[in-house]
Amino acid sequence: MSITQQYLLDTYRARQHGDPTPPAPGTHDWQAMRELADHRRFRAALTVRPARGRGRDRGRMRAALARLFGR
């Protein structure tokens, strides 16, 4: 069964029972990807290792610490 067929079946069943229809396939994909990235950054913070994709911020942090404490 394809995802479209499953969606149509779920929509039909929801209407039969008076429930709200489910969201269409692909509606919340970007939100799910953002939440996954946030979760990975959170897990990286818990294990005290730098999160990937934030290399520019690390350079800014080093520069700020160098200004604060001197070299």
Protein backbone atom coordinates (compact mmCIF):
# COMPACT_ATOMS: atom_id res chain seq x y z
CA MET A 1 0.00 0.00 0.00
CA SER A 2 1.42 3.38 -0.94
CA ILE A 3 1.53 6.37 1.38
CA THR A 4 -1.22 8.07 -0.64
CA GLN A 5 -3.51 5.07 -0.35
CA GLN A 6 -2.88 4.87 3.40
CA TYR A 7 -3.64 8.58 3.76
CA LEU A 8 -6.92 8.21 1.86
CA LEU A 9 -7.89 5.22 3.99
CA ASP A 10 -7.06 7.12 7.21
CA THR A 11 -9.06 10.13 5.99
CA TYR A 12 -12.05 7.91 5.16
CA ARG A 13 -11.94 6.24 8.59
CA ALA A 14 -11.61 9.59 10.36
CA ARG A 15 -14.69 10.93 8.58
CA GLN A 16 -16.65 7.80 9.40
CA HIS A 17 -15.86 8.21 13.11
CA GLY A 18 -16.21 11.98 13.19
CA ASP A 19 -12.52 12.50 14.03
CA PRO A 20 -10.39 15.29 12.52
CA THR A 21 -8.60 14.30 9.33
CA PRO A 22 -4.89 13.52 9.59
CA PRO A 23 -2.37 15.92 8.02
CA ALA A 24 -1.40 15.22 4.44
CA PRO A 25 1.87 13.33 3.86
CA GLY A 26 4.86 15.66 3.87
CA THR A 27 3.09 18.47 5.72
CA HIS A 28 5.39 18.52 8.74
CA ASP A 29 8.63 17.21 7.19
CA TRP A 30 10.66 20.41 7.68
CA GLN A 31 9.49 20.78 11.27
CA ALA A 32 10.51 17.19 11.98
CA MET A 33 13.96 17.79 10.47
CA ARG A 34 14.43 20.93 12.60
CA GLU A 35 13.42 19.02 15.73
CA LEU A 36 15.86 16.24 14.86
CA ALA A 37 18.69 18.75 14.49
CA ASP A 38 17.75 20.39 17.79
CA HIS A 39 17.70 17.00 19.48
CA ARG A 40 21.16 16.15 18.12
CA ARG A 41 22.55 19.46 19.41
CA PHE A 42 20.94 18.79 22.80
CA ARG A 43 22.42 15.28 23.00
CA ALA A 44 25.83 16.68 22.02
CA ALA A 45 25.59 19.21 24.85
CA LEU A 46 24.77 16.46 27.34
CA THR A 47 27.82 14.45 26.33
CA VAL A 48 30.02 17.58 26.43
CA ARG A 49 31.13 17.45 22.81
CA PRO A 50 30.66 20.19 20.24
CA ALA A 51 27.63 19.92 17.99
CA ARG A 52 28.28 19.67 14.28
CA GLY A 53 27.46 22.53 11.98
CA ARG A 54 28.33 25.27 14.43
CA GLY A 55 32.00 25.82 13.53
CA ARG A 56 31.60 29.55 13.01
CA ASP A 57 30.23 30.01 16.53
CA ARG A 58 33.23 28.20 17.98
CA GLY A 59 35.58 30.71 16.34
CA ARG A 60 33.56 33.58 17.73
CA MET A 61 33.69 32.03 21.18
CA ARG A 62 37.47 31.69 21.02
CA ALA A 63 37.82 35.30 19.91
CA ALA A 64 35.55 36.52 22.71
CA LEU A 65 37.49 34.51 25.32
CA ALA A 66 40.79 35.79 23.95
CA ARG A 67 39.55 39.37 24.30
CA LEU A 68 38.26 38.70 27.79
CA PHE A 69 41.25 36.87 29.23
CA GLY A 70 44.02 38.09 26.94
CA ARG A 71 46.32 35.75 25.08
